[in-house]
All heavy atoms as atom14 arrays in JSON, in Angstrom:
{
  "sequence": "EMLDLIQKAKDLNLNVVKIVDYDHLTAIAIGPADKEKLKVFKDLP",
  "atom14_mask": [
    [1, 1, 1, 1, 1, 1, 1, 1, 1, 0, 0, 0, 0, 0],
    [1, 1, 1, 1, 1, 1, 1, 1, 0, 0, 0, 0, 0, 0],
    [1, 1, 1, 1, 1, 1, 1, 1, 0, 0, 0, 0, 0, 0],
    [1, 1, 1, 1, 1, 1, 1, 1, 0, 0, 0, 0, 0, 0],
    [1, 1, 1, 1, 1, 1, 1, 1, 0, 0, 0, 0, 0, 0],
    [1, 1, 1, 1, 1, 1, 1, 1, 0, 0, 0, 0, 0, 0],
    [1, 1, 1, 1, 1, 1, 1, 1, 1, 0, 0, 0, 0, 0],
    [1, 1, 1, 1, 1, 1, 1, 1, 1, 0, 0, 0, 0, 0],
    [1, 1, 1, 1, 1, 0, 0, 0, 0, 0, 0, 0, 0, 0],
    [1, 1, 1, 1, 1, 1, 1, 1, 1, 0, 0, 0, 0, 0],
    [1, 1, 1, 1, 1, 1, 1, 1, 0, 0, 0, 0, 0, 0],
    [1, 1, 1, 1, 1, 1, 1, 1, 0, 0, 0, 0, 0, 0],
    [1, 1, 1, 1, 1, 1, 1, 1, 0, 0, 0, 0, 0, 0],
    [1, 1, 1, 1, 1, 1, 1, 1, 0, 0, 0, 0, 0, 0],
    [1, 1, 1, 1, 1, 1, 1, 1, 0, 0, 0, 0, 0, 0],
    [1, 1, 1, 1, 1, 1, 1, 0, 0, 0, 0, 0, 0, 0],
    [1, 1, 1, 1, 1, 1, 1, 0, 0, 0, 0, 0, 0, 0],
    [1, 1, 1, 1, 1, 1, 1, 1, 1, 0, 0, 0, 0, 0],
    [1, 1, 1, 1, 1, 1, 1, 1, 0, 0, 0, 0, 0, 0],
    [1, 1, 1, 1, 1, 1, 1, 0, 0, 0, 0, 0, 0, 0],
    [1, 1, 1, 1, 1, 1, 1, 1, 0, 0, 0, 0, 0, 0],
    [1, 1, 1, 1, 1, 1, 1, 1, 1, 1, 1, 1, 0, 0],
    [1, 1, 1, 1, 1, 1, 1, 1, 0, 0, 0, 0, 0, 0],
    [1, 1, 1, 1, 1, 1, 1, 1, 1, 1, 0, 0, 0, 0],
    [1, 1, 1, 1, 1, 1, 1, 1, 0, 0, 0, 0, 0, 0],
    [1, 1, 1, 1, 1, 1, 1, 0, 0, 0, 0, 0, 0, 0],
    [1, 1, 1, 1, 1, 0, 0, 0, 0, 0, 0, 0, 0, 0],
    [1, 1, 1, 1, 1, 1, 1, 1, 0, 0, 0, 0, 0, 0],
    [1, 1, 1, 1, 1, 0, 0, 0, 0, 0, 0, 0, 0, 0],
    [1, 1, 1, 1, 1, 1, 1, 1, 0, 0, 0, 0, 0, 0],
    [1, 1, 1, 1, 0, 0, 0, 0, 0, 0, 0, 0, 0, 0],
    [1, 1, 1, 1, 1, 1, 1, 0, 0, 0, 0, 0, 0, 0],
    [1, 1, 1, 1, 1, 0, 0, 0, 0, 0, 0, 0, 0, 0],
    [1, 1, 1, 1, 1, 1, 1, 1, 0, 0, 0, 0, 0, 0],
    [1, 1, 1, 1, 1, 1, 1, 1, 1, 0, 0, 0, 0, 0],
    [1, 1, 1, 1, 1, 1, 1, 1, 1, 0, 0, 0, 0, 0],
    [1, 1, 1, 1, 1, 1, 1, 1, 1, 0, 0, 0, 0, 0],
    [1, 1, 1, 1, 1, 1, 1, 1, 0, 0, 0, 0, 0, 0],
    [1, 1, 1, 1, 1, 1, 1, 1, 1, 0, 0, 0, 0, 0],
    [1, 1, 1, 1, 1, 1, 1, 0, 0, 0, 0, 0, 0, 0],
    [1, 1, 1, 1, 1, 1, 1, 1, 1, 1, 1, 0, 0, 0],
    [1, 1, 1, 1, 1, 1, 1, 1, 1, 0, 0, 0, 0, 0],
    [1, 1, 1, 1, 1, 1, 1, 1, 0, 0, 0, 0, 0, 0],
    [1, 1, 1, 1, 1, 1, 1, 1, 0, 0, 0, 0, 0, 0],
    [1, 1, 1, 1, 1, 1, 1, 0, 0, 0, 0, 0, 0, 0]
  ],
  "atom14_positions": [
    [[109.94, 149.83, 126.36], [108.81, 150.49, 127.02], [107.61, 150.6, 126.09], [106.48, 150.4, 126.51], [109.21, 151.88, 127.53], [108.08, 152.52, 128.33], [108.45, 153.85, 128.96], [109.56, 154.36, 128.74], [107.59, 154.37, 129.7], [0.0, 0.0, 0.0], [0.0, 0.0, 0.0], [0.0, 0.0, 0.0], [0.0, 0.0, 0.0], [0.0, 0.0, 0.0]],
    [[107.86, 150.89, 124.81], [106.74, 150.98, 123.87], [106.07, 149.63, 123.7], [104.85, 149.55, 123.63], [107.2, 151.56, 122.53], [107.44, 153.06, 122.59], [107.55, 153.85, 120.98], [109.18, 153.34, 120.49], [0.0, 0.0, 0.0], [0.0, 0.0, 0.0], [0.0, 0.0, 0.0], [0.0, 0.0, 0.0], [0.0, 0.0, 0.0], [0.0, 0.0, 0.0]],
    [[106.85, 148.55, 123.64], [106.27, 147.22, 123.53], [105.45, 146.87, 124.77], [104.39, 146.24, 124.68], [107.35, 146.18, 123.28], [108.06, 146.29, 121.92], [109.26, 145.34, 121.86], [107.1, 146.02, 120.78], [0.0, 0.0, 0.0], [0.0, 0.0, 0.0], [0.0, 0.0, 0.0], [0.0, 0.0, 0.0], [0.0, 0.0, 0.0], [0.0, 0.0, 0.0]],
    [[105.9, 147.31, 125.93], [105.16, 147.11, 127.17], [103.83, 147.88, 127.12], [102.79, 147.36, 127.52], [106.0, 147.56, 128.37], [105.3, 147.33, 129.69], [104.81, 146.2, 129.91], [105.24, 148.27, 130.5], [0.0, 0.0, 0.0], [0.0, 0.0, 0.0], [0.0, 0.0, 0.0], [0.0, 0.0, 0.0], [0.0, 0.0, 0.0], [0.0, 0.0, 0.0]],
    [[103.87, 149.11, 126.61], [102.65, 149.9, 126.48], [101.67, 149.28, 125.5], [100.46, 149.28, 125.73], [103.0, 151.33, 126.04], [103.8, 152.15, 127.05], [104.29, 153.43, 126.4], [102.98, 152.44, 128.29], [0.0, 0.0, 0.0], [0.0, 0.0, 0.0], [0.0, 0.0, 0.0], [0.0, 0.0, 0.0], [0.0, 0.0, 0.0], [0.0, 0.0, 0.0]],
    [[102.2, 148.71, 124.43], [101.35, 148.02, 123.46], [100.65, 146.85, 124.12], [99.43, 146.65, 123.95], [102.18, 147.54, 122.24], [102.62, 148.74, 121.41], [101.4, 146.54, 121.41], [103.66, 148.41, 120.36], [0.0, 0.0, 0.0], [0.0, 0.0, 0.0], [0.0, 0.0, 0.0], [0.0, 0.0, 0.0], [0.0, 0.0, 0.0], [0.0, 0.0, 0.0]],
    [[101.37, 146.09, 124.93], [100.77, 144.94, 125.61], [99.7, 145.39, 126.61], [98.64, 144.78, 126.7], [101.83, 144.1, 126.3], [101.28, 142.8, 126.84], [100.63, 141.95, 125.76], [101.25, 141.67, 124.75], [99.38, 141.56, 125.98], [0.0, 0.0, 0.0], [0.0, 0.0, 0.0], [0.0, 0.0, 0.0], [0.0, 0.0, 0.0], [0.0, 0.0, 0.0]],
    [[99.97, 146.46, 127.35], [98.98, 146.99, 128.29], [97.71, 147.39, 127.55], [96.6, 147.12, 128.02], [99.53, 148.19, 129.05], [100.51, 147.84, 130.13], [100.98, 149.09, 130.85], [102.04, 148.75, 131.88], [102.52, 149.95, 132.58], [0.0, 0.0, 0.0], [0.0, 0.0, 0.0], [0.0, 0.0, 0.0], [0.0, 0.0, 0.0], [0.0, 0.0, 0.0]],
    [[97.87, 148.06, 126.41], [96.71, 148.48, 125.63], [95.93, 147.27, 125.12], [94.7, 147.24, 125.18], [97.16, 149.36, 124.48], [0.0, 0.0, 0.0], [0.0, 0.0, 0.0], [0.0, 0.0, 0.0], [0.0, 0.0, 0.0], [0.0, 0.0, 0.0], [0.0, 0.0, 0.0], [0.0, 0.0, 0.0], [0.0, 0.0, 0.0], [0.0, 0.0, 0.0]],
    [[96.63, 146.26, 124.64], [95.96, 145.05, 124.16], [95.22, 144.35, 125.29], [94.13, 143.82, 125.09], [96.97, 144.11, 123.51], [97.43, 144.6, 122.16], [98.41, 143.62, 121.54], [98.84, 144.07, 120.16], [99.78, 143.14, 119.53], [0.0, 0.0, 0.0], [0.0, 0.0, 0.0], [0.0, 0.0, 0.0], [0.0, 0.0, 0.0], [0.0, 0.0, 0.0]],
    [[95.83, 144.33, 126.49], [95.18, 143.71, 127.65], [93.87, 144.41, 128.0], [92.96, 143.8, 128.56], [96.11, 143.72, 128.86], [97.3, 142.78, 128.7], [97.28, 141.92, 127.79], [98.26, 142.93, 129.49], [0.0, 0.0, 0.0], [0.0, 0.0, 0.0], [0.0, 0.0, 0.0], [0.0, 0.0, 0.0], [0.0, 0.0, 0.0], [0.0, 0.0, 0.0]],
    [[93.78, 145.71, 127.67], [92.56, 146.49, 127.92], [91.63, 146.49, 126.71], [90.64, 147.21, 126.68], [92.93, 147.93, 128.29], [93.65, 148.1, 129.61], [94.21, 149.51, 129.72], [92.69, 147.83, 130.77], [0.0, 0.0, 0.0], [0.0, 0.0, 0.0], [0.0, 0.0, 0.0], [0.0, 0.0, 0.0], [0.0, 0.0, 0.0], [0.0, 0.0, 0.0]],
    [[91.95, 145.68, 125.7], [91.17, 145.61, 124.46], [91.06, 146.96, 123.75], [90.02, 147.3, 123.2], [89.78, 145.03, 124.72], [89.83, 143.6, 125.17], [90.58, 142.81, 124.62], [89.06, 143.27, 126.19], [0.0, 0.0, 0.0], [0.0, 0.0, 0.0], [0.0, 0.0, 0.0], [0.0, 0.0, 0.0], [0.0, 0.0, 0.0], [0.0, 0.0, 0.0]],
    [[92.16, 147.73, 123.77], [92.21, 149.01, 123.07], [92.82, 148.82, 121.69], [93.63, 147.91, 121.47], [93.06, 150.0, 123.87], [92.56, 150.37, 125.26], [93.57, 151.26, 125.96], [91.21, 151.06, 125.18], [0.0, 0.0, 0.0], [0.0, 0.0, 0.0], [0.0, 0.0, 0.0], [0.0, 0.0, 0.0], [0.0, 0.0, 0.0], [0.0, 0.0, 0.0]],
    [[92.44, 149.68, 120.76], [93.06, 149.68, 119.44], [94.49, 150.19, 119.59], [94.74, 151.17, 120.28], [92.3, 150.61, 118.49], [90.91, 150.12, 118.21], [90.69, 148.93, 118.05], [89.96, 151.03, 118.16], [0.0, 0.0, 0.0], [0.0, 0.0, 0.0], [0.0, 0.0, 0.0], [0.0, 0.0, 0.0], [0.0, 0.0, 0.0], [0.0, 0.0, 0.0]],
    [[95.43, 149.51, 118.93], [96.84, 149.89, 118.98], [97.41, 149.81, 117.57], [97.17, 148.85, 116.85], [97.66, 148.95, 119.89], [99.1, 149.41, 119.97], [97.05, 148.85, 121.27], [0.0, 0.0, 0.0], [0.0, 0.0, 0.0], [0.0, 0.0, 0.0], [0.0, 0.0, 0.0], [0.0, 0.0, 0.0], [0.0, 0.0, 0.0], [0.0, 0.0, 0.0]],
    [[98.19, 150.83, 117.2], [98.88, 150.83, 115.92], [100.35, 151.14, 116.18], [100.68, 152.06, 116.92], [98.29, 151.9, 114.96], [99.09, 151.96, 113.67], [96.84, 151.63, 114.69], [0.0, 0.0, 0.0], [0.0, 0.0, 0.0], [0.0, 0.0, 0.0], [0.0, 0.0, 0.0], [0.0, 0.0, 0.0], [0.0, 0.0, 0.0], [0.0, 0.0, 0.0]],
    [[101.24, 150.34, 115.58], [102.68, 150.59, 115.66], [103.08, 151.42, 114.45], [102.68, 151.13, 113.33], [103.47, 149.28, 115.6], [103.27, 148.36, 116.74], [104.14, 147.12, 116.51], [103.71, 145.97, 117.36], [104.51, 144.77, 117.08], [0.0, 0.0, 0.0], [0.0, 0.0, 0.0], [0.0, 0.0, 0.0], [0.0, 0.0, 0.0], [0.0, 0.0, 0.0]],
    [[103.89, 152.45, 114.68], [104.45, 153.25, 113.59], [105.92, 152.88, 113.48], [106.68, 153.09, 114.43], [104.26, 154.76, 113.82], [102.77, 155.13, 113.77], [105.0, 155.56, 112.77], [102.04, 155.04, 115.03], [0.0, 0.0, 0.0], [0.0, 0.0, 0.0], [0.0, 0.0, 0.0], [0.0, 0.0, 0.0], [0.0, 0.0, 0.0], [0.0, 0.0, 0.0]],
    [[106.29, 152.29, 112.35], [107.65, 151.8, 112.13], [108.27, 152.6, 110.98], [107.66, 152.79, 109.94], [107.64, 150.29, 111.78], [109.03, 149.78, 111.51], [106.98, 149.51, 112.92], [0.0, 0.0, 0.0], [0.0, 0.0, 0.0], [0.0, 0.0, 0.0], [0.0, 0.0, 0.0], [0.0, 0.0, 0.0], [0.0, 0.0, 0.0], [0.0, 0.0, 0.0]],
    [[109.5, 153.08, 111.2], [110.22, 153.85, 110.2], [111.6, 153.24, 110.03], [112.36, 153.14, 111.02], [110.32, 155.31, 110.66], [110.89, 156.22, 109.61], [110.77, 155.91, 108.41], [111.45, 157.27, 109.98], [0.0, 0.0, 0.0], [0.0, 0.0, 0.0], [0.0, 0.0, 0.0], [0.0, 0.0, 0.0], [0.0, 0.0, 0.0], [0.0, 0.0, 0.0]],
    [[111.91, 152.8, 108.83], [113.19, 152.14, 108.56], [113.47, 151.01, 109.55], [114.52, 150.92, 110.16], [114.35, 153.14, 108.57], [114.32, 154.09, 107.4], [113.84, 155.38, 107.57], [114.73, 153.68, 106.14], [113.8, 156.26, 106.5], [114.69, 154.56, 105.07], [114.22, 155.85, 105.26], [114.18, 156.72, 104.19], [0.0, 0.0, 0.0], [0.0, 0.0, 0.0]],
    [[112.47, 150.16, 109.73], [112.55, 148.99, 110.61], [112.74, 149.32, 112.08], [113.15, 148.47, 112.87], [113.67, 148.03, 110.16], [113.36, 147.41, 108.81], [112.17, 147.17, 108.53], [114.31, 147.16, 108.04], [0.0, 0.0, 0.0], [0.0, 0.0, 0.0], [0.0, 0.0, 0.0], [0.0, 0.0, 0.0], [0.0, 0.0, 0.0], [0.0, 0.0, 0.0]],
    [[112.47, 150.55, 112.49], [112.56, 150.95, 113.9], [111.18, 151.38, 114.39], [110.51, 152.19, 113.72], [113.54, 152.1, 114.1], [114.95, 151.73, 113.77], [115.73, 150.95, 114.59], [115.71, 152.03, 112.7], [116.91, 150.78, 114.04], [116.93, 151.43, 112.89], [0.0, 0.0, 0.0], [0.0, 0.0, 0.0], [0.0, 0.0, 0.0], [0.0, 0.0, 0.0]],
    [[110.78, 150.86, 115.52], [109.53, 151.29, 116.14], [109.72, 152.72, 116.63], [110.55, 152.98, 117.5], [109.19, 150.36, 117.32], [107.91, 150.65, 118.08], [106.69, 150.58, 117.16], [107.75, 149.68, 119.24], [0.0, 0.0, 0.0], [0.0, 0.0, 0.0], [0.0, 0.0, 0.0], [0.0, 0.0, 0.0], [0.0, 0.0, 0.0], [0.0, 0.0, 0.0]],
    [[108.99, 153.66, 116.03], [109.2, 155.08, 116.37], [108.07, 155.67, 117.19], [108.28, 156.64, 117.9], [109.38, 155.92, 115.1], [108.24, 155.74, 114.26], [110.63, 155.52, 114.35], [0.0, 0.0, 0.0], [0.0, 0.0, 0.0], [0.0, 0.0, 0.0], [0.0, 0.0, 0.0], [0.0, 0.0, 0.0], [0.0, 0.0, 0.0], [0.0, 0.0, 0.0]],
    [[106.88, 155.08, 117.09], [105.73, 155.61, 117.83], [104.64, 154.55, 117.87], [104.67, 153.58, 117.11], [105.21, 156.88, 117.17], [0.0, 0.0, 0.0], [0.0, 0.0, 0.0], [0.0, 0.0, 0.0], [0.0, 0.0, 0.0], [0.0, 0.0, 0.0], [0.0, 0.0, 0.0], [0.0, 0.0, 0.0], [0.0, 0.0, 0.0], [0.0, 0.0, 0.0]],
    [[103.68, 154.77, 118.77], [102.48, 153.94, 118.8], [101.27, 154.86, 118.98], [101.39, 155.94, 119.55], [102.52, 152.87, 119.92], [102.68, 153.51, 121.3], [103.61, 151.87, 119.65], [102.61, 152.51, 122.44], [0.0, 0.0, 0.0], [0.0, 0.0, 0.0], [0.0, 0.0, 0.0], [0.0, 0.0, 0.0], [0.0, 0.0, 0.0], [0.0, 0.0, 0.0]],
    [[100.15, 154.42, 118.46], [98.89, 155.13, 118.65], [97.94, 154.2, 119.39], [97.81, 153.03, 119.01], [98.3, 155.55, 117.31], [0.0, 0.0, 0.0], [0.0, 0.0, 0.0], [0.0, 0.0, 0.0], [0.0, 0.0, 0.0], [0.0, 0.0, 0.0], [0.0, 0.0, 0.0], [0.0, 0.0, 0.0], [0.0, 0.0, 0.0], [0.0, 0.0, 0.0]],
    [[97.31, 154.71, 120.43], [96.39, 153.92, 121.24], [95.05, 154.64, 121.29], [94.99, 155.83, 121.56], [96.93, 153.72, 122.66], [98.27, 153.0, 122.64], [95.91, 152.98, 123.53], [98.96, 152.94, 123.98], [0.0, 0.0, 0.0], [0.0, 0.0, 0.0], [0.0, 0.0, 0.0], [0.0, 0.0, 0.0], [0.0, 0.0, 0.0], [0.0, 0.0, 0.0]],
    [[93.97, 153.9, 121.04], [92.65, 154.49, 121.15], [91.98, 154.6, 119.8], [92.47, 154.06, 118.83], [0.0, 0.0, 0.0], [0.0, 0.0, 0.0], [0.0, 0.0, 0.0], [0.0, 0.0, 0.0], [0.0, 0.0, 0.0], [0.0, 0.0, 0.0], [0.0, 0.0, 0.0], [0.0, 0.0, 0.0], [0.0, 0.0, 0.0], [0.0, 0.0, 0.0]],
    [[90.88, 155.3, 119.77], [90.25, 156.09, 120.82], [89.69, 155.2, 121.93], [89.41, 154.03, 121.7], [89.14, 156.84, 120.1], [88.82, 156.01, 118.9], [90.1, 155.31, 118.53], [0.0, 0.0, 0.0], [0.0, 0.0, 0.0], [0.0, 0.0, 0.0], [0.0, 0.0, 0.0], [0.0, 0.0, 0.0], [0.0, 0.0, 0.0], [0.0, 0.0, 0.0]],
    [[89.56, 155.8, 123.1], [89.04, 155.05, 124.26], [88.51, 156.01, 125.3], [88.8, 157.2, 125.28], [90.15, 154.21, 124.86], [0.0, 0.0, 0.0], [0.0, 0.0, 0.0], [0.0, 0.0, 0.0], [0.0, 0.0, 0.0], [0.0, 0.0, 0.0], [0.0, 0.0, 0.0], [0.0, 0.0, 0.0], [0.0, 0.0, 0.0], [0.0, 0.0, 0.0]],
    [[87.72, 155.46, 126.2], [87.21, 156.24, 127.33], [88.35, 156.58, 128.28], [89.33, 155.84, 128.4], [86.15, 155.45, 128.09], [84.94, 155.15, 127.23], [84.56, 156.0, 126.42], [84.39, 154.07, 127.4], [0.0, 0.0, 0.0], [0.0, 0.0, 0.0], [0.0, 0.0, 0.0], [0.0, 0.0, 0.0], [0.0, 0.0, 0.0], [0.0, 0.0, 0.0]],
    [[88.2, 157.69, 128.99], [89.22, 158.14, 129.94], [89.56, 157.07, 130.97], [90.72, 156.94, 131.36], [88.76, 159.4, 130.67], [88.8, 160.64, 129.84], [88.54, 161.84, 130.72], [87.28, 162.52, 130.32], [86.97, 163.71, 131.1], [0.0, 0.0, 0.0], [0.0, 0.0, 0.0], [0.0, 0.0, 0.0], [0.0, 0.0, 0.0], [0.0, 0.0, 0.0]],
    [[88.58, 156.34, 131.41], [88.81, 155.33, 132.45], [89.83, 154.28, 132.01], [90.69, 153.88, 132.78], [87.5, 154.66, 132.85], [86.56, 155.56, 133.62], [87.19, 156.07, 134.92], [87.78, 155.26, 135.66], [87.09, 157.28, 135.17], [0.0, 0.0, 0.0], [0.0, 0.0, 0.0], [0.0, 0.0, 0.0], [0.0, 0.0, 0.0], [0.0, 0.0, 0.0]],
    [[89.72, 153.83, 130.77], [90.65, 152.82, 130.28], [92.04, 153.38, 130.07], [93.03, 152.68, 130.17], [90.14, 152.21, 128.97], [89.04, 151.21, 129.16], [88.8, 150.45, 127.89], [87.84, 149.33, 128.11], [87.64, 148.52, 126.92], [0.0, 0.0, 0.0], [0.0, 0.0, 0.0], [0.0, 0.0, 0.0], [0.0, 0.0, 0.0], [0.0, 0.0, 0.0]],
    [[92.14, 154.67, 129.78], [93.43, 155.28, 129.49], [94.2, 155.67, 130.75], [95.36, 156.03, 130.67], [93.25, 156.49, 128.58], [92.73, 156.16, 127.19], [92.47, 157.45, 126.42], [93.68, 155.27, 126.43], [0.0, 0.0, 0.0], [0.0, 0.0, 0.0], [0.0, 0.0, 0.0], [0.0, 0.0, 0.0], [0.0, 0.0, 0.0], [0.0, 0.0, 0.0]],
    [[93.58, 155.57, 131.91], [94.24, 155.96, 133.15], [95.49, 155.15, 133.44], [96.38, 155.6, 134.15], [93.27, 155.87, 134.33], [92.31, 157.03, 134.39], [91.45, 156.97, 135.62], [90.51, 158.17, 135.65], [89.68, 158.16, 136.84], [0.0, 0.0, 0.0], [0.0, 0.0, 0.0], [0.0, 0.0, 0.0], [0.0, 0.0, 0.0], [0.0, 0.0, 0.0]],
    [[95.59, 153.96, 132.88], [96.77, 153.12, 133.09], [98.03, 153.78, 132.51], [99.14, 153.48, 132.92], [96.55, 151.7, 132.48], [96.53, 151.73, 131.0], [97.6, 150.74, 133.0], [0.0, 0.0, 0.0], [0.0, 0.0, 0.0], [0.0, 0.0, 0.0], [0.0, 0.0, 0.0], [0.0, 0.0, 0.0], [0.0, 0.0, 0.0], [0.0, 0.0, 0.0]],
    [[97.86, 154.75, 131.61], [98.98, 155.42, 130.97], [99.26, 156.81, 131.58], [100.08, 157.55, 131.07], [98.71, 155.59, 129.47], [98.39, 154.29, 128.79], [97.1, 153.99, 128.38], [99.38, 153.35, 128.55], [96.8, 152.78, 127.77], [99.1, 152.15, 127.93], [97.8, 151.87, 127.53], [0.0, 0.0, 0.0], [0.0, 0.0, 0.0], [0.0, 0.0, 0.0]],
    [[98.61, 157.13, 132.68], [98.67, 158.49, 133.25], [100.06, 158.9, 133.74], [100.33, 160.09, 133.85], [97.67, 158.65, 134.37], [98.01, 157.85, 135.61], [97.0, 158.04, 136.7], [97.45, 157.2, 137.89], [96.63, 157.33, 139.01], [0.0, 0.0, 0.0], [0.0, 0.0, 0.0], [0.0, 0.0, 0.0], [0.0, 0.0, 0.0], [0.0, 0.0, 0.0]],
    [[100.94, 157.96, 134.01], [102.27, 158.3, 134.53], [103.29, 158.61, 133.44], [104.42, 158.99, 133.76], [102.8, 157.18, 135.43], [101.99, 157.05, 136.7], [101.45, 158.07, 137.17], [101.89, 155.94, 137.22], [0.0, 0.0, 0.0], [0.0, 0.0, 0.0], [0.0, 0.0, 0.0], [0.0, 0.0, 0.0], [0.0, 0.0, 0.0], [0.0, 0.0, 0.0]],
    [[102.9, 158.48, 132.19], [103.83, 158.81, 131.1], [104.0, 160.32, 131.02], [103.03, 161.08, 131.11], [103.27, 158.3, 129.77], [103.24, 156.8, 129.59], [102.46, 156.45, 128.31], [104.63, 156.24, 129.53], [0.0, 0.0, 0.0], [0.0, 0.0, 0.0], [0.0, 0.0, 0.0], [0.0, 0.0, 0.0], [0.0, 0.0, 0.0], [0.0, 0.0, 0.0]],
    [[105.24, 160.79, 130.82], [105.45, 162.23, 130.71], [104.91, 162.77, 129.37], [104.99, 162.09, 128.35], [106.97, 162.39, 130.78], [107.51, 161.06, 130.35], [106.49, 160.04, 130.75], [0.0, 0.0, 0.0], [0.0, 0.0, 0.0], [0.0, 0.0, 0.0], [0.0, 0.0, 0.0], [0.0, 0.0, 0.0], [0.0, 0.0, 0.0], [0.0, 0.0, 0.0]]
  ]
}
C-alpha cells in the first residue's frame, strides 16, 4: 500500500521521501502540496 501511495504521489508530481529502517519501508513523507492535490489520499485513516 505504501508503494502504491508513492506511485500516486509521483503521478501527481508531488515530492515523496521513503523512510527505511533496517531495510524495511517504515514510512513515507509526501508534500508539501496544495490541498487539491492531496485529496487523492483523503480515504486513508
